[in-house]
Amino acid sequence: MRTVVQRVSEASVSVGGRAIASIGPGILVLAAFRGGDGPADIEWMARKCLELRIFEDDAGKMNRSVLETGGEVLIVSQFTLYGDCRKGRRPAYTDSAPAGEALRLYREFVDLASSLYPRVSEGEFGAKMQVRLVNDGPVTLIIDSGAERTR
């Protein structure tokens, strides 16, 4: 599993010109799933995203998580995070989980994050979405599960 986590002052998702979710200060999580991802990847990633200390404390040091700040979370599926651009000009998506598997993993990820923290919103899986955000900082992190999970 791979995510891009961005600290935002606001973010929103629209489908077909209709706003389906919006948040104020918090994090935008773009999430992609690899074939073979499972419950351990989902749980590790949900906790990692929610517990990342990327918000400033009173001393101005990034030392607080979205859980501690009471911020909001917006999760958006984005299979293109597994686009392999090493050869040619068109990304290959062979590492991305097939759509049915990715939908199941996405639902598990959103459901787990929502059970751990009540201020979670989401995009629409498989839809052509317009994502708007104001990156705060900017703070943007790329997080991979799997072998990196042991670090």
C-alpha atoms as a PDB file:
ATOM      1  CA  MET A   1       0.000   0.000   0.000  1.00  0.00           C
ATOM      2  CA  ARG A   2       1.181   3.488  -0.783  1.00  0.00           C
ATOM      3  CA  THR A   3      -0.128   6.844   0.390  1.00  0.00           C
ATOM      4  CA  VAL A   4       0.676  10.466  -0.165  1.00  0.00           C
ATOM      5  CA  VAL A   5      -0.202  12.425   2.966  1.00  0.00           C
ATOM      6  CA  GLN A   6      -0.523  16.184   2.714  1.00  0.00           C
ATOM      7  CA  ARG A   7      -1.102  18.573   5.590  1.00  0.00           C
ATOM      8  CA  VAL A   8      -3.848  20.911   4.385  1.00  0.00           C
ATOM      9  CA  SER A   9      -5.676  23.980   5.555  1.00  0.00           C
ATOM     10  CA  GLU A  10      -8.590  22.786   3.404  1.00  0.00           C
ATOM     11  CA  ALA A  11      -9.377  20.129   0.793  1.00  0.00           C
ATOM     12  CA  SER A  12     -12.377  18.989  -1.199  1.00  0.00           C
ATOM     13  CA  VAL A  13     -13.457  16.376  -3.735  1.00  0.00           C
ATOM     14  CA  SER A  14     -16.012  16.824  -6.511  1.00  0.00           C
ATOM     15  CA  VAL A  15     -17.455  14.327  -8.962  1.00  0.00           C
ATOM     16  CA  GLY A  16     -19.191  15.624 -12.073  1.00  0.00           C
ATOM     17  CA  GLY A  17     -19.200  19.167 -10.714  1.00  0.00           C
ATOM     18  CA  ARG A  18     -20.887  18.076  -7.460  1.00  0.00           C
ATOM     19  CA  ALA A  19     -18.977  18.466  -4.177  1.00  0.00           C
ATOM     20  CA  ILE A  20     -19.010  15.137  -2.322  1.00  0.00           C
ATOM     21  CA  ALA A  21     -16.623  15.873   0.544  1.00  0.00           C
ATOM     22  CA  SER A  22     -14.701  18.763   2.032  1.00  0.00           C
ATOM     23  CA  ILE A  23     -12.543  19.307   5.077  1.00  0.00           C
ATOM     24  CA  GLY A  24     -10.912  22.162   6.925  1.00  0.00           C
ATOM     25  CA  PRO A  25      -7.480  21.886   8.528  1.00  0.00           C
ATOM     26  CA  GLY A  26      -6.157  18.324   8.629  1.00  0.00           C
ATOM     27  CA  ILE A  27      -4.727  15.788   6.201  1.00  0.00           C
ATOM     28  CA  LEU A  28      -5.493  14.673   2.671  1.00  0.00           C
ATOM     29  CA  VAL A  29      -4.564  11.016   2.146  1.00  0.00           C
ATOM     30  CA  LEU A  30      -4.216   9.776  -1.443  1.00  0.00           C
ATOM     31  CA  ALA A  31      -4.258   5.973  -1.214  1.00  0.00           C
ATOM     32  CA  ALA A  32      -3.221   3.239  -3.656  1.00  0.00           C
ATOM     33  CA  PHE A  33      -3.263  -0.517  -3.231  1.00  0.00           C
ATOM     34  CA  ARG A  34      -0.878  -3.116  -4.587  1.00  0.00           C
ATOM     35  CA  GLY A  35      -1.818  -6.672  -5.458  1.00  0.00           C
ATOM     36  CA  GLY A  36      -1.234  -8.769  -2.342  1.00  0.00           C
ATOM     37  CA  ASP A  37      -1.868  -5.990   0.195  1.00  0.00           C
ATOM     38  CA  GLY A  38      -3.732  -7.279   3.199  1.00  0.00           C
ATOM     39  CA  PRO A  39      -5.058  -6.481   6.677  1.00  0.00           C
ATOM     40  CA  ALA A  40      -1.602  -5.852   8.154  1.00  0.00           C
ATOM     41  CA  ASP A  41      -0.864  -3.224   5.464  1.00  0.00           C
ATOM     42  CA  ILE A  42      -4.248  -1.569   6.003  1.00  0.00           C
ATOM     43  CA  GLU A  43      -3.922  -1.397   9.779  1.00  0.00           C
ATOM     44  CA  TRP A  44      -0.317  -0.211   9.730  1.00  0.00           C
ATOM     45  CA  MET A  45      -1.076   2.509   7.176  1.00  0.00           C
ATOM     46  CA  ALA A  46      -4.243   3.757   8.893  1.00  0.00           C
ATOM     47  CA  ARG A  47      -2.419   4.152  12.183  1.00  0.00           C
ATOM     48  CA  LYS A  48       0.655   5.675  10.522  1.00  0.00           C
ATOM     49  CA  CYS A  49      -1.386   8.341   8.718  1.00  0.00           C
ATOM     50  CA  LEU A  50      -3.446   9.264  11.777  1.00  0.00           C
ATOM     51  CA  GLU A  51      -0.484   9.289  14.171  1.00  0.00           C
ATOM     52  CA  LEU A  52       2.059  11.159  12.003  1.00  0.00           C
ATOM     53  CA  ARG A  53       3.386  14.120  13.948  1.00  0.00           C
ATOM     54  CA  ILE A  54       3.243  16.731  11.184  1.00  0.00           C
ATOM     55  CA  PHE A  55       1.387  19.540  12.956  1.00  0.00           C
ATOM     56  CA  GLU A  56       3.160  22.216  14.941  1.00  0.00           C
ATOM     57  CA  ASP A  57       3.070  22.352  18.716  1.00  0.00           C
ATOM     58  CA  ASP A  58       3.175  25.572  20.750  1.00  0.00           C
ATOM     59  CA  ALA A  59       6.929  25.811  20.156  1.00  0.00           C
ATOM     60  CA  GLY A  60       6.494  25.648  16.362  1.00  0.00           C
ATOM     61  CA  LYS A  61       7.927  22.118  16.102  1.00  0.00           C
ATOM     62  CA  MET A  62       6.113  19.444  14.064  1.00  0.00           C
ATOM     63  CA  ASN A  63       5.205  17.365  17.079  1.00  0.00           C
ATOM     64  CA  ARG A  64       1.431  16.775  16.932  1.00  0.00           C
ATOM     65  CA  SER A  65      -0.758  14.380  14.943  1.00  0.00           C
ATOM     66  CA  VAL A  66      -4.142  15.038  13.360  1.00  0.00           C
ATOM     67  CA  LEU A  67      -5.577  13.079  16.298  1.00  0.00           C
ATOM     68  CA  GLU A  68      -4.079  15.589  18.717  1.00  0.00           C
ATOM     69  CA  THR A  69      -5.099  18.683  16.757  1.00  0.00           C
ATOM     70  CA  GLY A  70      -8.671  17.545  16.143  1.00  0.00           C
ATOM     71  CA  GLY A  71      -8.190  18.127  12.419  1.00  0.00           C
ATOM     72  CA  GLU A  72     -10.103  16.390   9.675  1.00  0.00           C
ATOM     73  CA  VAL A  73      -9.061  13.591   7.306  1.00  0.00           C
ATOM     74  CA  LEU A  74      -9.996  13.200   3.633  1.00  0.00           C
ATOM     75  CA  ILE A  75      -9.139   9.866   1.993  1.00  0.00           C
ATOM     76  CA  VAL A  76      -9.102   9.640  -1.804  1.00  0.00           C
ATOM     77  CA  SER A  77      -8.308   6.514  -3.841  1.00  0.00           C
ATOM     78  CA  GLN A  78      -5.577   7.075  -6.425  1.00  0.00           C
ATOM     79  CA  PHE A  79      -4.313   3.961  -8.220  1.00  0.00           C
ATOM     80  CA  THR A  80      -1.867   6.056 -10.250  1.00  0.00           C
ATOM     81  CA  LEU A  81       0.480   6.159  -7.248  1.00  0.00           C
ATOM     82  CA  TYR A  82       1.680   2.756  -8.476  1.00  0.00           C
ATOM     83  CA  GLY A  83       2.389   4.053 -11.975  1.00  0.00           C
ATOM     84  CA  ASP A  84       5.800   2.781 -13.093  1.00  0.00           C
ATOM     85  CA  CYS A  85       7.430   5.435 -15.289  1.00  0.00           C
ATOM     86  CA  ARG A  86      10.856   3.843 -15.734  1.00  0.00           C
ATOM     87  CA  LYS A  87      10.274   2.705 -19.328  1.00  0.00           C
ATOM     88  CA  GLY A  88       8.666   4.525 -22.207  1.00  0.00           C
ATOM     89  CA  ARG A  89       6.348   7.477 -21.886  1.00  0.00           C
ATOM     90  CA  ARG A  90       3.200   5.799 -20.627  1.00  0.00           C
ATOM     91  CA  PRO A  91       3.078   4.658 -16.988  1.00  0.00           C
ATOM     92  CA  ALA A  92       2.504   0.950 -16.402  1.00  0.00           C
ATOM     93  CA  TYR A  93       0.149  -0.033 -13.602  1.00  0.00           C
ATOM     94  CA  THR A  94       1.087  -3.697 -13.238  1.00  0.00           C
ATOM     95  CA  ASP A  95       1.734  -3.323  -9.489  1.00  0.00           C
ATOM     96  CA  SER A  96      -1.717  -1.825  -8.808  1.00  0.00           C
ATOM     97  CA  ALA A  97      -4.303  -4.170  -7.329  1.00  0.00           C
ATOM     98  CA  PRO A  98      -7.104  -5.164  -9.737  1.00  0.00           C
ATOM     99  CA  ALA A  99     -10.192  -2.939  -9.372  1.00  0.00           C
ATOM    100  CA  GLY A 100     -12.266  -5.394  -7.324  1.00  0.00           C
ATOM    101  CA  GLU A 101      -9.445  -6.091  -4.895  1.00  0.00           C
ATOM    102  CA  ALA A 102      -8.550  -2.394  -4.679  1.00  0.00           C
ATOM    103  CA  LEU A 103     -12.171  -1.491  -3.874  1.00  0.00           C
ATOM    104  CA  ARG A 104     -12.238  -4.042  -1.044  1.00  0.00           C
ATOM    105  CA  LEU A 105      -8.923  -2.748   0.345  1.00  0.00           C
ATOM    106  CA  TYR A 106     -10.048   0.866   0.027  1.00  0.00           C
ATOM    107  CA  ARG A 107     -13.256   0.141   1.934  1.00  0.00           C
ATOM    108  CA  GLU A 108     -11.267  -1.642   4.665  1.00  0.00           C
ATOM    109  CA  PHE A 109      -8.852   1.293   4.903  1.00  0.00           C
ATOM    110  CA  VAL A 110     -11.586   3.951   5.120  1.00  0.00           C
ATOM    111  CA  ASP A 111     -13.645   1.861   7.565  1.00  0.00           C
ATOM    112  CA  LEU A 112     -10.663   1.243   9.843  1.00  0.00           C
ATOM    113  CA  ALA A 113      -9.551   4.890   9.764  1.00  0.00           C
ATOM    114  CA  SER A 114     -13.145   5.934  10.562  1.00  0.00           C
ATOM    115  CA  SER A 115     -13.304   3.512  13.485  1.00  0.00           C
ATOM    116  CA  LEU A 116     -10.049   4.928  14.872  1.00  0.00           C
ATOM    117  CA  TYR A 117     -11.005   8.571  14.344  1.00  0.00           C
ATOM    118  CA  PRO A 118     -14.503   9.982  13.726  1.00  0.00           C
ATOM    119  CA  ARG A 119     -13.523  12.937  11.504  1.00  0.00           C
ATOM    120  CA  VAL A 120     -12.845  10.979   8.286  1.00  0.00           C
ATOM    121  CA  SER A 121     -14.390  11.824   4.903  1.00  0.00           C
ATOM    122  CA  GLU A 122     -13.768  10.148   1.567  1.00  0.00           C
ATOM    123  CA  GLY A 123     -13.813  10.516  -2.173  1.00  0.00           C
ATOM    124  CA  GLU A 124     -15.654   8.153  -4.525  1.00  0.00           C
ATOM    125  CA  PHE A 125     -13.726   5.035  -5.492  1.00  0.00           C
ATOM    126  CA  GLY A 126     -13.312   4.624  -9.250  1.00  0.00           C
ATOM    127  CA  ALA A 127     -14.853   7.996 -10.124  1.00  0.00           C
ATOM    128  CA  LYS A 128     -13.163  10.748 -12.081  1.00  0.00           C
ATOM    129  CA  MET A 129     -12.654  13.200  -9.235  1.00  0.00           C
ATOM    130  CA  GLN A 130     -11.502  16.775  -8.985  1.00  0.00           C
ATOM    131  CA  VAL A 131      -9.432  17.186  -5.830  1.00  0.00           C
ATOM    132  CA  ARG A 132      -8.736  20.653  -4.544  1.00  0.00           C
ATOM    133  CA  LEU A 133      -6.391  21.406  -1.688  1.00  0.00           C
ATOM    134  CA  VAL A 134      -4.421  24.093   0.003  1.00  0.00           C
ATOM    135  CA  ASN A 135      -1.229  22.398   1.158  1.00  0.00           C
ATOM    136  CA  ASP A 136      -0.168  23.831   4.508  1.00  0.00           C
ATOM    137  CA  GLY A 137       3.587  24.201   4.875  1.00  0.00           C
ATOM    138  CA  PRO A 138       3.874  22.655   2.340  1.00  0.00           C
ATOM    139  CA  VAL A 139       4.037  19.279   4.054  1.00  0.00           C
ATOM    140  CA  THR A 140       3.816  16.209   1.775  1.00  0.00           C
ATOM    141  CA  LEU A 141       4.953  12.682   2.631  1.00  0.00           C
ATOM    142  CA  ILE A 142       5.032   9.455   0.612  1.00  0.00           C
ATOM    143  CA  ILE A 143       4.486   6.355   2.736  1.00  0.00           C
ATOM    144  CA  ASP A 144       4.841   2.723   1.644  1.00  0.00           C
ATOM    145  CA  SER A 145       3.784  -0.331   3.608  1.00  0.00           C
ATOM    146  CA  GLY A 146       5.424  -3.730   3.261  1.00  0.00           C
ATOM    147  CA  ALA A 147       9.177  -4.000   3.805  1.00  0.00           C
ATOM    148  CA  GLU A 148       9.301  -0.367   4.901  1.00  0.00           C
ATOM    149  CA  ARG A 149       6.868  -1.198   7.721  1.00  0.00           C
ATOM    150  CA  THR A 150       9.678  -2.600   9.847  1.00  0.00           C
ATOM    151  CA  ARG A 151      11.427   0.777  10.067  1.00  0.00           C
END
